[in-house]
Amino acid sequence: MILKREIIKKERFIKAFFFLILLVIISCKKEATKVVIKSKSDIKYAKGFDIINDHGTKKLIIKSAYKGSNEVAEYTIKTKGDKNSKVENTIFTPIQQIVVTSTTHIPMVELLNEETAIVGFPYSKYVSSEKTRNLIDAGKIQEIGKESSLNTEILLDLQPELVVGYSVSSADKSLTTIKKAGINVIYNGDWLEETPLGRAEWIKFFGVLFDKEQQADSIFKVIEVNYNEAKQIALKSTKKPTILSGAIMSKDIWNLPAGDSFVAQYLKDANCNYLWQTSKGTGSLSLSFESVFDKGADAEFWIAPGYFTSKEQLLSSNELYSKFTAFKMGNIFTPSTKKGKTGGVIYYELAPTRPDLVLKDIIKITNPELLLNYKLTFFEKMF
């Protein structure tokens, strides 16, 4: 009887011991799970890309390569010298030889002090930045054709480590050819962002490629703080000046920013009354001259009147422009007059990277007393 009791006790002890071990194993698994779960990056505004740590592996994810694209491209980021990596969809950093294809890429690369890594660029005539312009003039950056028609032979001869592509509505055929030849290609969709800070945040994309994430984060943080401070300054004004934008570009159709566009966001953040701010859409509105005149004839300011650079050009295009109050009062401001030495408009190159300066320009134009010591960076009064 005593022996039977001892056996029962031992069986209970063994069961309790194994149950305790099971609890420890489960607990360890839970702790391990906490360590390896996906962690989001600090991307705050941009919608088109992300940087994550996936089970200890850094990944650069492109969510929107071009307009209408539903594909998500995922790239594993590895440091050079890591031999235990698959080559396909793997980018080895820091990149030392790169081809970029949009002028909007140039300022971000320069802010990271990596302009000497650029070995090729399409239609380089439009590059305005002096540092990169000097490299082009010295023959250190090769001409590789035009945005929509890249010279694949030159690209293959250059053998860059990476080509940062740009496309409006579909995958670029020449870039597909380059990719098939074994050269890494990644699309940059910064232009699709719907907010000014969303566009600027793409500097973090380049930060990953050059293994300068901390520097890219710091640069963006300064831009973000400057932008938000300017936004708060604009709120000090009790008046909200009315704004007209755009112009007739073809067939008597006036193109102007839609209410959800990044341009409309600038005007909102500058504490202005953009007359089409309640319209839907993130791109452009195409309206008749009559409808624009009915609503905008008495607007106090006319900002960014298309590609026109003078009032004379406006009148040559359409004499009815003279009937707008902003025309009569001389309150038309354009970014098209400030150009680099080869003719590229500085605004289109630098503005996406420096939305803080664009916002300050608009505040200076519409409420100059708020920024007494600030001088316009991109815009000039049209004469």
Foldseek 3Di string as FASTA:
>chain_A
DVVVVVVVVVVVVVVVVVVVVVVVVVVVVVVLCVVAPKDWDPQDAADQWTWIQHRNWIKIWGCDQAPPDRDIQIATEAAPPPPPDDLPSYAHDQFQAEAEEFLQVVVLCVLVVRLLNYAEYEPCLQNFDPVNVVCVVVVRYYHQYHLLDGNLVVVVVSLGQEYAHHDHHDDRPSVVVVVVVPHHYHGDDLVPGQALLNSQLCSCVNCSNHVNNVSSVVLSVVLVVLQVVQLVLLVVDPDAAEEAEEEDDDDQWTKDAALRHNVVVLSVSSRHHYQRNVGDDHGIDTHHPVVCCVRQQAGQAYEAHDLDQAVVVVCVVPVCVCSRPCNVVQRYKHLNVDGHPSRHRVCSNCCSNRVSLVSVLVNCSPPVVSPVPDDRDRMDGHD
